[in-house]
Amino acid sequence: MTGSWKAEQDRQSQELAEIINREIIAFGERLAAEGRQPLLNSVAGALVSATGSMLASVKDRRIRKELRRVMDRGLPQAIAAHEGKTGSSEIVFAGRRMDG
């Protein structure tokens, strides 16, 4: 049972990641077409907000905390898996612009 559950989780995770990525790209293209600069800060803010909403929906604080730990542990692997595979985006730090 555990193997089939994990396979389904991985399948859903991959599908959702592809959907989110497509929407982020489409949003950036729409902004660029309007002459506006897409900012990676906006993507990060939206993902934090959506993540917070999702975690808040887990009523049991112990389970919510464990889910957050699982997410925190998975982030370095996700970064490593995608490093060098995407283009660059603009990031703004305290009024400064940097290439991300």
C-alpha atoms as a PDB file:
ATOM      1  CA  MET A   1       0.000   0.000   0.000  1.00  0.00           C
ATOM      2  CA  THR A   2       2.802   2.428   0.869  1.00  0.00           C
ATOM      3  CA  GLY A   3       4.398   2.088  -2.580  1.00  0.00           C
ATOM      4  CA  SER A   4       1.172   2.848  -4.441  1.00  0.00           C
ATOM      5  CA  TRP A   5       0.433   5.817  -2.163  1.00  0.00           C
ATOM      6  CA  LYS A   6       3.919   7.245  -2.771  1.00  0.00           C
ATOM      7  CA  ALA A   7       3.628   6.713  -6.531  1.00  0.00           C
ATOM      8  CA  GLU A   8       0.287   8.553  -6.580  1.00  0.00           C
ATOM      9  CA  GLN A   9       1.712  11.390  -4.470  1.00  0.00           C
ATOM     10  CA  ASP A  10       4.677  11.717  -6.835  1.00  0.00           C
ATOM     11  CA  ARG A  11       2.381  11.700  -9.887  1.00  0.00           C
ATOM     12  CA  GLN A  12       0.113  14.387  -8.438  1.00  0.00           C
ATOM     13  CA  SER A  13       3.091  16.469  -7.277  1.00  0.00           C
ATOM     14  CA  GLN A  14       4.640  16.395 -10.747  1.00  0.00           C
ATOM     15  CA  GLU A  15       1.365  17.292 -12.455  1.00  0.00           C
ATOM     16  CA  LEU A  16       0.684  20.187 -10.073  1.00  0.00           C
ATOM     17  CA  ALA A  17       4.264  21.462 -10.429  1.00  0.00           C
ATOM     18  CA  GLU A  18       3.859  21.515 -14.221  1.00  0.00           C
ATOM     19  CA  ILE A  19       0.534  23.371 -13.961  1.00  0.00           C
ATOM     20  CA  ILE A  20       1.973  25.960 -11.551  1.00  0.00           C
ATOM     21  CA  ASN A  21       5.071  26.457 -13.687  1.00  0.00           C
ATOM     22  CA  ARG A  22       2.976  26.950 -16.864  1.00  0.00           C
ATOM     23  CA  GLU A  23       0.848  29.570 -15.109  1.00  0.00           C
ATOM     24  CA  ILE A  24       3.888  31.417 -13.755  1.00  0.00           C
ATOM     25  CA  ILE A  25       5.433  31.522 -17.231  1.00  0.00           C
ATOM     26  CA  ALA A  26       2.158  32.654 -18.823  1.00  0.00           C
ATOM     27  CA  PHE A  27       1.781  35.405 -16.208  1.00  0.00           C
ATOM     28  CA  GLY A  28       5.350  36.609 -16.830  1.00  0.00           C
ATOM     29  CA  GLU A  29       4.785  36.634 -20.593  1.00  0.00           C
ATOM     30  CA  ARG A  30       1.575  38.614 -20.130  1.00  0.00           C
ATOM     31  CA  LEU A  31       3.360  41.193 -17.985  1.00  0.00           C
ATOM     32  CA  ALA A  32       6.218  41.450 -20.493  1.00  0.00           C
ATOM     33  CA  ALA A  33       3.721  41.951 -23.337  1.00  0.00           C
ATOM     34  CA  GLU A  34       2.242  44.850 -21.337  1.00  0.00           C
ATOM     35  CA  GLY A  35       5.715  46.351 -20.990  1.00  0.00           C
ATOM     36  CA  ARG A  36       5.941  45.485 -17.306  1.00  0.00           C
ATOM     37  CA  GLN A  37       8.863  43.661 -15.691  1.00  0.00           C
ATOM     38  CA  PRO A  38       8.004  40.232 -14.251  1.00  0.00           C
ATOM     39  CA  LEU A  39       9.674  39.929 -10.831  1.00  0.00           C
ATOM     40  CA  LEU A  40      10.728  36.726  -9.128  1.00  0.00           C
ATOM     41  CA  ASN A  41       9.834  38.409  -5.815  1.00  0.00           C
ATOM     42  CA  SER A  42       6.181  38.276  -6.881  1.00  0.00           C
ATOM     43  CA  VAL A  43       6.391  34.561  -7.595  1.00  0.00           C
ATOM     44  CA  ALA A  44       8.000  33.926  -4.207  1.00  0.00           C
ATOM     45  CA  GLY A  45       5.359  36.002  -2.429  1.00  0.00           C
ATOM     46  CA  ALA A  46       2.520  34.181  -4.167  1.00  0.00           C
ATOM     47  CA  LEU A  47       4.011  30.762  -3.392  1.00  0.00           C
ATOM     48  CA  VAL A  48       4.500  31.696   0.275  1.00  0.00           C
ATOM     49  CA  SER A  49       0.894  32.899   0.470  1.00  0.00           C
ATOM     50  CA  ALA A  50      -0.465  29.751  -1.189  1.00  0.00           C
ATOM     51  CA  THR A  51       1.732  27.548   1.006  1.00  0.00           C
ATOM     52  CA  GLY A  52       0.547  29.346   4.132  1.00  0.00           C
ATOM     53  CA  SER A  53      -3.064  28.887   3.084  1.00  0.00           C
ATOM     54  CA  MET A  54      -2.519  25.193   2.414  1.00  0.00           C
ATOM     55  CA  LEU A  55      -0.742  24.644   5.737  1.00  0.00           C
ATOM     56  CA  ALA A  56      -3.419  26.601   7.639  1.00  0.00           C
ATOM     57  CA  SER A  57      -6.016  24.187   6.261  1.00  0.00           C
ATOM     58  CA  VAL A  58      -4.388  21.405   8.337  1.00  0.00           C
ATOM     59  CA  LYS A  59      -6.171  21.877  11.647  1.00  0.00           C
ATOM     60  CA  ASP A  60      -3.961  19.579  13.753  1.00  0.00           C
ATOM     61  CA  ARG A  61      -0.901  21.670  14.613  1.00  0.00           C
ATOM     62  CA  ARG A  62       1.323  18.613  15.067  1.00  0.00           C
ATOM     63  CA  ILE A  63       0.510  17.306  11.611  1.00  0.00           C
ATOM     64  CA  ARG A  64       0.885  20.813  10.144  1.00  0.00           C
ATOM     65  CA  LYS A  65       4.320  21.132  11.760  1.00  0.00           C
ATOM     66  CA  GLU A  66       5.406  17.743  10.383  1.00  0.00           C
ATOM     67  CA  LEU A  67       4.167  18.646   6.891  1.00  0.00           C
ATOM     68  CA  ARG A  68       6.182  21.849   7.051  1.00  0.00           C
ATOM     69  CA  ARG A  69       9.262  19.869   8.149  1.00  0.00           C
ATOM     70  CA  VAL A  70       8.807  17.526   5.183  1.00  0.00           C
ATOM     71  CA  MET A  71       8.574  20.541   2.862  1.00  0.00           C
ATOM     72  CA  ASP A  72      11.670  22.157   4.398  1.00  0.00           C
ATOM     73  CA  ARG A  73      13.654  18.908   3.995  1.00  0.00           C
ATOM     74  CA  GLY A  74      12.545  18.516   0.363  1.00  0.00           C
ATOM     75  CA  LEU A  75      13.423  22.051  -0.752  1.00  0.00           C
ATOM     76  CA  PRO A  76      17.215  21.596  -1.119  1.00  0.00           C
ATOM     77  CA  GLN A  77      16.662  18.501  -3.278  1.00  0.00           C
ATOM     78  CA  ALA A  78      14.133  20.350  -5.426  1.00  0.00           C
ATOM     79  CA  ILE A  79      16.551  23.244  -5.925  1.00  0.00           C
ATOM     80  CA  ALA A  80      19.380  20.873  -6.860  1.00  0.00           C
ATOM     81  CA  ALA A  81      17.139  18.977  -9.288  1.00  0.00           C
ATOM     82  CA  HIS A  82      16.280  22.161 -11.199  1.00  0.00           C
ATOM     83  CA  GLU A  83      19.527  24.120 -10.957  1.00  0.00           C
ATOM     84  CA  GLY A  84      20.692  25.306 -14.354  1.00  0.00           C
ATOM     85  CA  LYS A  85      17.491  24.210 -16.107  1.00  0.00           C
ATOM     86  CA  THR A  86      15.690  27.549 -16.103  1.00  0.00           C
ATOM     87  CA  GLY A  87      16.392  31.023 -17.387  1.00  0.00           C
ATOM     88  CA  SER A  88      17.083  34.048 -15.279  1.00  0.00           C
ATOM     89  CA  SER A  89      14.588  36.322 -13.597  1.00  0.00           C
ATOM     90  CA  GLU A  90      14.869  39.724 -12.028  1.00  0.00           C
ATOM     91  CA  ILE A  91      14.896  39.967  -8.247  1.00  0.00           C
ATOM     92  CA  VAL A  92      14.611  43.208  -6.278  1.00  0.00           C
ATOM     93  CA  PHE A  93      16.398  43.584  -2.932  1.00  0.00           C
ATOM     94  CA  ALA A  94      15.630  46.745  -0.966  1.00  0.00           C
ATOM     95  CA  GLY A  95      15.374  48.941  -4.048  1.00  0.00           C
ATOM     96  CA  ARG A  96      18.206  47.218  -5.949  1.00  0.00           C
ATOM     97  CA  ARG A  97      17.726  44.999  -8.950  1.00  0.00           C
ATOM     98  CA  MET A  98      19.717  41.821  -9.386  1.00  0.00           C
ATOM     99  CA  ASP A  99      19.721  39.092 -11.999  1.00  0.00           C
ATOM    100  CA  GLY A 100      18.462  35.887 -10.422  1.00  0.00           C
END
